[in-house]
């Protein structure tokens, strides 16, 4: 089968399939541009005339636009080159965000960043929309410009479209819309599975620790069962400090698992300069800085390393506490960290004192090891479920593009 890109430039137009033909797009539809009323006139904005812009086009891609967030009014239209175009006008973004397409569901205007086609009787607007989307990669390659890539009007006027008769266009569109709707329903179902899988780990950890807390209350402070420390940052002004072989952990390196690699390493001299210590494997690390998205991120060292000052390192006393039990507990109580955050920074922090005062239950070490072994098995199964769900979701996200390509994959 020979794939035909449905929108192309002459002269190298392939032979069309039987019953199809190449036609200059401007012979099938009236090409219109748009315009932006003066931004210095606020009285020309905020009316009831929808105005399609690059701000919203990504969200509108492949749909009928009923209304836009940005609106102009009759004065804005009257005092600019903007024109109100009819329902069914196909809008193609030609500047910066090139290649996104929407159809007007009611009369409205657009910015000058769009090429707008008002379709004649021989051309179904939805067929044109899908043809343009199917050709998006090739059309984007036509854009030129140093700062913002643009497809200029003379080139747009040369666009040719491969199309069958109008009834066949409508049939293709209806079949494609049904397929795309089914694909979207499947994507939403897969997303729900991913969301459920994301919650499953949390639920398993909660179930396990609630059972522990029924027997062993939170009576032991971290400072009573761990040695705690915070690291530092060597001077960035000394390049040699960052050419060493000592792994240096930052919050970006924390992965909620075993940390075996760091983005940066430092020299022994750098570690001495910040009065840091080399921490052994099995040290549990907790992020203290960075706001809600970072506070409480954690990991366990699988290597010897040092940390920066944004991390609190906890070395559990081996006769009282195992690293795995401590790390699972740290993950379980992560929502609590934000209760203790403070400071005047945009991103709130916690301090080492907060970590020291945190409490945990303390079963015997043998029970901690059995607990972690059981929980680890359950979490491994949950991660397999999550991995499968995410794989399915990734496949389904690619399905609309494949369906579009299939709709225009025609043998001559």
Protein backbone atom coordinates (compact mmCIF):
# COMPACT_ATOMS: atom_id res chain seq x y z
CA UNK A 1 0.00 0.00 0.00
CA UNK A 2 1.29 3.46 -0.87
CA UNK A 3 0.77 6.07 1.80
CA UNK A 4 -0.50 9.35 0.45
CA UNK A 5 0.04 12.51 2.43
CA UNK A 6 -3.29 14.18 1.69
CA UNK A 7 -2.03 17.79 1.70
CA UNK A 8 1.03 18.50 -0.42
CA UNK A 9 2.69 21.04 -2.69
CA UNK A 10 3.11 20.53 -6.43
CA UNK A 11 4.79 19.51 -8.63
CA UNK A 12 5.55 16.06 -7.18
CA UNK A 13 2.04 14.95 -6.44
CA UNK A 14 1.67 11.14 -6.44
CA UNK A 15 -0.92 9.36 -8.51
CA UNK A 16 -4.22 9.54 -6.60
CA UNK A 17 -6.25 6.43 -5.78
CA UNK A 18 -9.10 5.49 -8.07
CA UNK A 19 -12.03 7.81 -7.47
CA UNK A 20 -9.80 10.45 -5.84
CA UNK A 21 -8.19 13.53 -7.32
CA UNK A 22 -5.73 16.27 -6.50
CA UNK A 23 -7.19 19.77 -6.34
CA UNK A 24 -5.75 23.12 -5.40
CA UNK A 25 -7.14 23.85 -1.95
CA UNK A 26 -8.06 27.43 -2.86
CA UNK A 27 -10.29 25.99 -5.61
CA UNK A 28 -12.21 24.13 -2.94
CA UNK A 29 -12.21 26.67 -0.13
CA UNK A 30 -11.78 30.41 0.33
CA UNK A 31 -8.53 31.22 2.12
CA UNK A 32 -8.80 33.88 4.82
CA UNK A 33 -6.33 35.23 7.35
CA UNK A 34 -6.99 36.84 10.73
CA UNK A 35 -5.88 39.85 12.71
CA UNK A 36 -5.36 41.10 16.24
CA UNK A 37 -7.23 44.21 17.41
CA UNK A 38 -4.96 46.69 19.19
CA UNK A 39 -3.93 45.50 22.63
CA UNK A 40 -3.62 49.13 23.70
CA UNK A 41 -7.40 49.43 23.47
CA UNK A 42 -8.88 47.35 26.30
CA UNK A 43 -12.34 48.49 25.21
CA UNK A 44 -11.88 46.37 22.06
CA UNK A 45 -11.52 43.21 24.15
CA UNK A 46 -13.74 41.21 26.47
CA UNK A 47 -16.88 41.14 24.35
CA UNK A 48 -18.90 38.22 23.03
CA UNK A 49 -17.00 37.45 19.80
CA UNK A 50 -14.76 34.42 20.19
CA UNK A 51 -11.23 34.93 18.89
CA UNK A 52 -9.07 31.88 18.13
CA UNK A 53 -5.44 32.37 19.16
CA UNK A 54 -2.27 30.37 19.61
CA UNK A 55 -2.86 30.50 23.37
CA UNK A 56 -5.63 27.93 23.11
CA UNK A 57 -4.98 26.07 19.85
CA UNK A 58 -3.24 23.05 21.33
CA UNK A 59 -6.27 22.29 23.48
CA UNK A 60 -8.61 22.86 20.52
CA UNK A 61 -6.67 20.68 18.08
CA UNK A 62 -8.91 18.23 16.22
CA UNK A 63 -12.15 19.62 17.65
CA UNK A 64 -14.98 22.02 16.89
CA UNK A 65 -14.41 25.21 18.87
CA UNK A 66 -17.62 26.52 20.42
CA UNK A 67 -16.10 29.37 22.42
CA UNK A 68 -12.70 30.79 23.30
CA UNK A 69 -11.32 32.21 26.52
CA UNK A 70 -10.08 35.33 24.75
CA UNK A 71 -12.86 37.38 23.15
CA UNK A 72 -13.10 40.59 21.21
CA UNK A 73 -16.16 42.69 20.38
CA UNK A 74 -17.78 44.57 17.52
CA UNK A 75 -15.52 47.60 18.05
CA UNK A 76 -12.44 45.40 17.90
CA UNK A 77 -13.60 43.87 14.63
CA UNK A 78 -14.60 47.22 13.14
CA UNK A 79 -11.26 48.84 13.96
CA UNK A 80 -8.98 46.05 12.74
CA UNK A 81 -8.50 43.74 9.79
CA UNK A 82 -10.01 40.86 11.76
CA UNK A 83 -13.05 39.31 10.12
CA UNK A 84 -15.88 37.24 11.51
CA UNK A 85 -15.81 33.93 9.65
CA UNK A 86 -18.71 31.49 9.34
CA UNK A 87 -19.40 28.24 11.15
CA UNK A 88 -17.44 25.38 9.56
CA UNK A 89 -14.33 27.48 8.86
CA UNK A 90 -11.20 25.33 9.23
CA UNK A 91 -8.43 27.13 11.16
CA UNK A 92 -4.82 26.01 10.69
CA UNK A 93 -2.08 27.50 12.89
CA UNK A 94 0.70 28.66 10.62
CA UNK A 95 3.05 30.53 12.97
CA UNK A 96 5.14 29.33 15.94
CA UNK A 97 2.87 26.42 16.96
CA UNK A 98 2.49 25.26 13.37
CA UNK A 99 0.04 22.61 12.29
CA UNK A 100 -2.76 22.59 14.85
CA UNK A 101 -6.29 22.57 13.45
CA UNK A 102 -9.75 23.41 14.72
CA UNK A 103 -13.16 24.10 13.15
CA UNK A 104 -15.41 26.99 14.09
CA UNK A 105 -18.69 25.74 15.57
CA UNK A 106 -20.10 29.28 15.37
CA UNK A 107 -19.07 32.54 13.67
CA UNK A 108 -15.87 33.94 15.19
CA UNK A 109 -12.52 35.52 14.33
CA UNK A 110 -8.88 34.48 14.57
CA UNK A 111 -5.48 36.07 15.01
CA UNK A 112 -3.13 36.51 12.06
CA UNK A 113 -1.37 33.31 13.15
CA UNK A 114 -3.97 31.25 11.30
CA UNK A 115 -4.82 30.29 7.77
CA UNK A 116 -8.59 29.88 7.61
CA UNK A 117 -10.42 27.95 4.92
CA UNK A 118 -14.12 28.53 4.31
CA UNK A 119 -15.08 25.32 2.53
CA UNK A 120 -17.16 25.22 -0.62
CA UNK A 121 -19.73 22.60 -1.56
CA UNK A 122 -17.16 20.03 -2.73
CA UNK A 123 -15.24 19.92 0.55
CA UNK A 124 -16.32 18.65 3.96
CA UNK A 125 -14.70 20.75 6.74
CA UNK A 126 -13.98 17.76 8.94
CA UNK A 127 -12.35 15.91 6.05
CA UNK A 128 -10.06 18.91 5.54
CA UNK A 129 -9.27 19.09 9.27
CA UNK A 130 -8.25 15.44 9.45
CA UNK A 131 -6.29 15.71 6.19
CA UNK A 132 -4.30 18.64 7.59
CA UNK A 133 -3.66 16.82 10.88
CA UNK A 134 -2.58 13.70 9.01
CA UNK A 135 -0.14 15.86 7.00
CA UNK A 136 1.11 17.78 10.04
CA UNK A 137 4.69 16.51 10.05
CA UNK A 138 5.21 17.28 6.37
CA UNK A 139 3.52 20.67 6.59
CA UNK A 140 5.61 21.71 9.57
CA UNK A 141 8.70 21.04 7.51
CA UNK A 142 7.56 23.81 5.14
CA UNK A 143 7.74 26.49 7.86
CA UNK A 144 10.65 28.91 7.73
CA UNK A 145 12.00 31.68 9.95
CA UNK A 146 14.81 32.28 12.41
CA UNK A 147 12.75 33.14 15.49
CA UNK A 148 9.24 31.84 14.83
CA UNK A 149 8.70 29.25 12.13
CA UNK A 150 5.94 30.35 9.76
CA UNK A 151 4.18 29.04 6.66
CA UNK A 152 3.60 32.15 4.60
CA UNK A 153 0.46 32.88 2.60
CA UNK A 154 1.93 32.30 -0.90
CA UNK A 155 2.84 28.76 0.13
CA UNK A 156 -0.56 28.21 1.73
CA UNK A 157 -2.17 29.30 -1.52
CA UNK A 158 -0.28 26.49 -3.27
CA UNK A 159 -1.57 23.70 -1.01
CA UNK A 160 -3.16 20.80 -2.90
CA UNK A 161 -5.56 18.32 -1.35
CA UNK A 162 -6.17 14.70 -2.38
CA UNK A 163 -9.86 13.99 -1.99
CA UNK A 164 -12.76 11.81 -3.16
CA UNK A 165 -16.29 13.05 -3.76
CA UNK A 166 -18.20 14.71 -0.94
CA UNK A 167 -20.28 11.63 0.09
CA UNK A 168 -17.11 9.55 0.36
CA UNK A 169 -15.46 12.30 2.41
CA UNK A 170 -18.39 12.24 4.82
CA UNK A 171 -18.26 8.45 5.08
CA UNK A 172 -14.52 8.53 5.83
CA UNK A 173 -15.04 11.20 8.48
CA UNK A 174 -17.87 9.34 10.17
CA UNK A 175 -15.89 6.09 10.32
CA UNK A 176 -12.81 7.92 11.59
CA UNK A 177 -14.77 9.79 14.26
CA UNK A 178 -16.24 6.53 15.54
CA UNK A 179 -12.77 5.00 15.71
CA UNK A 180 -11.32 8.05 17.44
CA UNK A 181 -14.18 8.06 19.96
CA UNK A 182 -13.54 4.41 20.76
CA UNK A 183 -9.82 5.12 21.10
CA UNK A 184 -10.52 8.01 23.48
CA UNK A 185 -12.83 5.83 25.60
CA UNK A 186 -10.11 3.20 25.79
CA UNK A 187 -7.53 5.86 26.70
CA UNK A 188 -9.71 7.17 29.51
CA UNK A 189 -10.21 3.64 30.84
CA UNK A 190 -6.46 3.02 30.71
CA UNK A 191 -5.81 6.33 32.48
CA UNK A 192 -8.22 5.26 35.22
CA UNK A 193 -6.25 2.02 35.58
CA UNK A 194 -2.99 3.97 35.86
CA UNK A 195 -4.52 6.28 38.48
CA UNK A 196 -5.73 3.26 40.43
CA UNK A 197 -2.32 1.60 40.16
CA UNK A 198 -0.64 4.78 41.42
CA UNK A 199 -2.87 4.67 44.50
CA UNK A 200 -2.35 0.95 45.06
CA UNK A 201 1.19 1.30 46.44
CA UNK A 202 0.04 3.95 48.90
CA UNK A 203 -2.90 1.79 49.97
CA UNK A 204 -0.69 -1.27 50.51
CA UNK A 205 1.81 0.72 52.57
CA UNK A 206 -1.02 2.24 54.62
CA UNK A 207 -2.63 -1.14 55.27
CA UNK A 208 0.68 -2.62 56.38
CA UNK A 209 1.64 0.17 58.76
CA UNK A 210 -1.82 0.50 60.30
CA UNK A 211 -1.49 -3.16 61.30
CA UNK A 212 1.92 -2.41 62.86
CA UNK A 213 0.52 0.59 64.74
CA UNK A 214 -2.17 -1.61 66.29
CA UNK A 215 0.63 -3.34 68.19
CA UNK A 216 3.55 -0.88 68.27
CA UNK A 217 2.66 2.78 68.88
CA UNK A 218 4.69 5.75 67.62
CA UNK A 219 6.87 6.28 70.65
CA UNK A 220 10.43 6.42 69.31
CA UNK A 221 11.84 9.68 67.95
CA UNK A 222 14.12 9.49 64.95
CA UNK A 223 16.92 11.08 66.97
CA UNK A 224 16.71 8.21 69.49
CA UNK A 225 17.20 5.46 66.91
CA UNK A 226 19.28 7.16 64.20
CA UNK A 227 22.34 9.31 63.76
CA UNK A 228 21.21 12.34 61.77
CA UNK A 229 23.29 14.74 59.71
CA UNK A 230 22.99 17.22 56.87
CA UNK A 231 25.58 17.82 54.19
CA UNK A 232 26.66 20.90 52.31
CA UNK A 233 27.61 22.39 48.95
CA UNK A 234 31.23 23.01 47.98
CA UNK A 235 32.10 26.34 46.39
CA UNK A 236 30.94 26.42 42.78
CA UNK A 237 33.78 28.82 42.14
CA UNK A 238 36.31 25.99 42.39
CA UNK A 239 35.84 23.76 39.36
CA UNK A 240 38.24 21.10 40.71
CA UNK A 241 35.85 20.45 43.57
CA UNK A 242 33.44 18.88 41.08
CA UNK A 243 35.96 16.66 39.30
CA UNK A 244 36.27 14.06 42.00
CA UNK A 245 34.88 10.55 42.41
CA UNK A 246 32.81 10.90 45.60
CA UNK A 247 29.08 10.69 44.77
CA UNK A 248 27.26 13.82 45.97
CA UNK A 249 23.52 13.40 46.49
CA UNK A 250 21.08 16.23 45.83
CA UNK A 251 17.30 16.14 46.07
CA UNK A 252 17.11 15.50 42.32
CA UNK A 253 18.90 12.19 42.90
CA UNK A 254 16.33 10.91 45.40
CA UNK A 255 14.20 8.27 43.69
CA UNK A 256 12.15 6.70 46.52
CA UNK A 257 14.35 3.64 46.07
CA UNK A 258 18.01 2.70 46.19
CA UNK A 259 20.34 5.49 45.08
CA UNK A 260 23.30 4.03 43.20
CA UNK A 261 24.17 6.96 40.93
CA UNK A 262 24.36 10.72 41.38
CA UNK A 263 24.30 13.53 38.84
CA UNK A 264 27.45 15.07 40.30
CA UNK A 265 30.56 13.88 42.14
CA UNK A 266 33.00 15.88 44.23
CA UNK A 267 36.60 15.57 45.39
CA UNK A 268 37.85 14.66 48.85
CA UNK A 269 39.06 18.25 49.25
CA UNK A 270 35.57 19.51 48.40
CA UNK A 271 34.03 17.23 51.01
CA UNK A 272 36.48 18.51 53.64
CA UNK A 273 35.72 22.11 52.68
CA UNK A 274 32.05 21.65 53.53
CA UNK A 275 32.88 19.56 56.62
CA UNK A 276 30.90 16.72 55.16
CA UNK A 277 31.06 13.03 55.99
CA UNK A 278 31.07 10.00 53.72
CA UNK A 279 27.84 8.18 54.46
CA UNK A 280 27.66 4.38 54.22
CA UNK A 281 25.31 2.29 52.13
CA UNK A 282 22.04 1.83 54.01
CA UNK A 283 21.75 5.49 54.97
CA UNK A 284 18.19 6.77 54.53
CA UNK A 285 17.90 10.27 53.04
CA UNK A 286 15.02 12.73 53.25
CA UNK A 287 14.64 16.00 51.33
CA UNK A 288 14.07 19.02 53.60
CA UNK A 289 13.90 21.79 50.95
CA UNK A 290 11.95 22.44 47.78
CA UNK A 291 8.27 22.86 48.65
CA UNK A 292 5.43 20.37 48.48
CA UNK A 293 6.77 18.64 45.39
CA UNK A 294 10.14 17.87 46.96
CA UNK A 295 9.88 17.86 50.78
CA UNK A 296 9.82 14.26 51.97
CA UNK A 297 11.35 12.77 48.83
CA UNK A 298 13.54 9.95 49.98
CA UNK A 299 15.97 7.24 49.07
CA UNK A 300 18.39 4.72 50.54
CA UNK A 301 22.07 4.81 49.70
CA UNK A 302 23.25 1.77 47.80
CA UNK A 303 26.75 3.27 47.70
CA UNK A 304 28.95 5.38 49.92
CA UNK A 305 28.22 9.06 49.27
CA UNK A 306 27.80 12.50 50.78
CA UNK A 307 24.86 14.89 50.45
CA UNK A 308 24.08 18.56 50.11
CA UNK A 309 22.43 20.64 52.84
CA UNK A 310 18.93 20.07 51.44
CA UNK A 311 19.01 16.45 52.58
CA UNK A 312 18.82 14.99 56.06
CA UNK A 313 20.72 11.72 56.31
CA UNK A 314 19.56 9.09 58.81
CA UNK A 315 21.82 6.22 59.81
CA UNK A 316 19.66 3.80 61.80
CA UNK A 317 21.17 2.08 64.83
CA UNK A 318 21.40 -1.49 63.53
CA UNK A 319 20.33 -3.19 66.77
CA UNK A 320 17.12 -1.11 66.78
CA UNK A 321 16.10 -0.28 63.23
CA UNK A 322 16.65 -1.52 59.69
CA UNK A 323 17.15 0.87 56.76
CA UNK A 324 14.32 -0.72 54.79
CA UNK A 325 11.79 -0.38 57.61
CA UNK A 326 12.82 3.21 58.23
CA UNK A 327 12.58 4.10 54.54
CA UNK A 328 9.14 2.53 54.16
CA UNK A 329 8.00 4.48 57.22
CA UNK A 330 9.44 7.71 55.82
CA UNK A 331 7.48 7.14 52.63
CA UNK A 332 4.33 6.36 54.61
CA UNK A 333 4.45 9.62 56.62
CA UNK A 334 5.51 11.90 53.76
CA UNK A 335 2.21 13.89 53.84
CA UNK A 336 3.04 14.89 57.44
CA UNK A 337 6.21 16.76 56.49
CA UNK A 338 4.35 19.73 55.02
CA UNK A 339 2.62 20.36 58.35
CA UNK A 340 5.96 21.39 59.75
CA UNK A 341 7.22 23.45 56.83
CA UNK A 342 7.84 27.14 57.30
CA UNK A 343 9.92 30.12 56.33
CA UNK A 344 9.38 33.11 54.12
CA UNK A 345 10.57 31.46 50.94
CA UNK A 346 8.24 30.77 48.04
CA UNK A 347 8.98 27.06 48.54
CA UNK A 348 8.63 26.16 52.25
CA UNK A 349 11.22 23.96 53.98
CA UNK A 350 11.56 21.74 57.00
CA UNK A 351 14.66 21.63 59.17
CA UNK A 352 16.77 18.93 60.77
CA UNK A 353 15.03 19.49 64.10
CA UNK A 354 11.69 18.50 62.59
CA UNK A 355 13.20 15.27 61.28
CA UNK A 356 14.82 14.51 64.63
CA UNK A 357 11.48 14.87 66.43
CA UNK A 358 9.53 12.65 64.03
CA UNK A 359 8.39 9.41 65.65
CA UNK A 360 7.93 5.85 64.46
CA UNK A 361 6.81 2.47 65.81
CA UNK A 362 9.68 0.17 66.76
CA UNK A 363 8.98 -3.56 66.49
CA UNK A 364 11.90 -5.94 67.03
CA UNK A 365 14.39 -6.00 64.17
CA UNK A 366 13.32 -9.53 63.21
CA UNK A 367 9.71 -8.35 62.81
CA UNK A 368 10.86 -5.31 60.83
CA UNK A 369 12.68 -7.61 58.41
CA UNK A 370 9.65 -9.89 58.02
CA UNK A 371 7.40 -6.87 57.56
CA UNK A 372 9.60 -5.44 54.80
CA UNK A 373 9.86 -8.78 53.03
CA UNK A 374 6.06 -9.16 52.93
CA UNK A 375 5.46 -5.55 51.93
CA UNK A 376 8.17 -5.68 49.28
CA UNK A 377 6.47 -8.61 47.59
CA UNK A 378 3.12 -6.83 47.52
CA UNK A 379 4.67 -3.61 46.24
CA UNK A 380 6.49 -5.50 43.50
CA UNK A 381 3.17 -6.89 42.27
CA UNK A 382 1.64 -3.42 42.41
CA UNK A 383 4.50 -2.01 40.35
CA UNK A 384 4.03 -4.71 37.73
CA UNK A 385 0.36 -3.76 37.51
CA UNK A 386 1.31 -0.09 37.20
CA UNK A 387 3.94 -0.79 34.55
CA UNK A 388 1.44 -2.80 32.49
CA UNK A 389 -1.21 -0.09 32.84
CA UNK A 390 1.22 2.64 31.79
CA UNK A 391 2.37 0.58 28.82
CA UNK A 392 -1.23 0.18 27.69
CA UNK A 393 -1.85 3.89 28.14
CA UNK A 394 1.22 4.80 26.11
CA UNK A 395 0.03 2.57 23.27
CA UNK A 396 -3.45 4.05 23.33
CA UNK A 397 -2.08 7.60 23.22
CA UNK A 398 -0.46 6.71 19.89
CA UNK A 399 -3.62 5.14 18.47
CA UNK A 400 -5.32 8.33 17.15
CA UNK A 401 -2.28 9.15 14.99
CA UNK A 402 -2.27 5.61 13.61
CA UNK A 403 -6.01 5.77 12.86
CA UNK A 404 -5.54 9.06 11.00
CA UNK A 405 -2.68 7.63 8.98
CA UNK A 406 -4.74 4.55 8.18
CA UNK A 407 -7.65 6.65 6.96
CA UNK A 408 -5.37 8.24 4.33
CA UNK A 409 -3.24 5.17 3.60
CA UNK A 410 -4.65 4.52 0.13
CA UNK A 411 -3.31 2.57 -2.80
CA UNK A 412 -3.67 4.30 -6.19
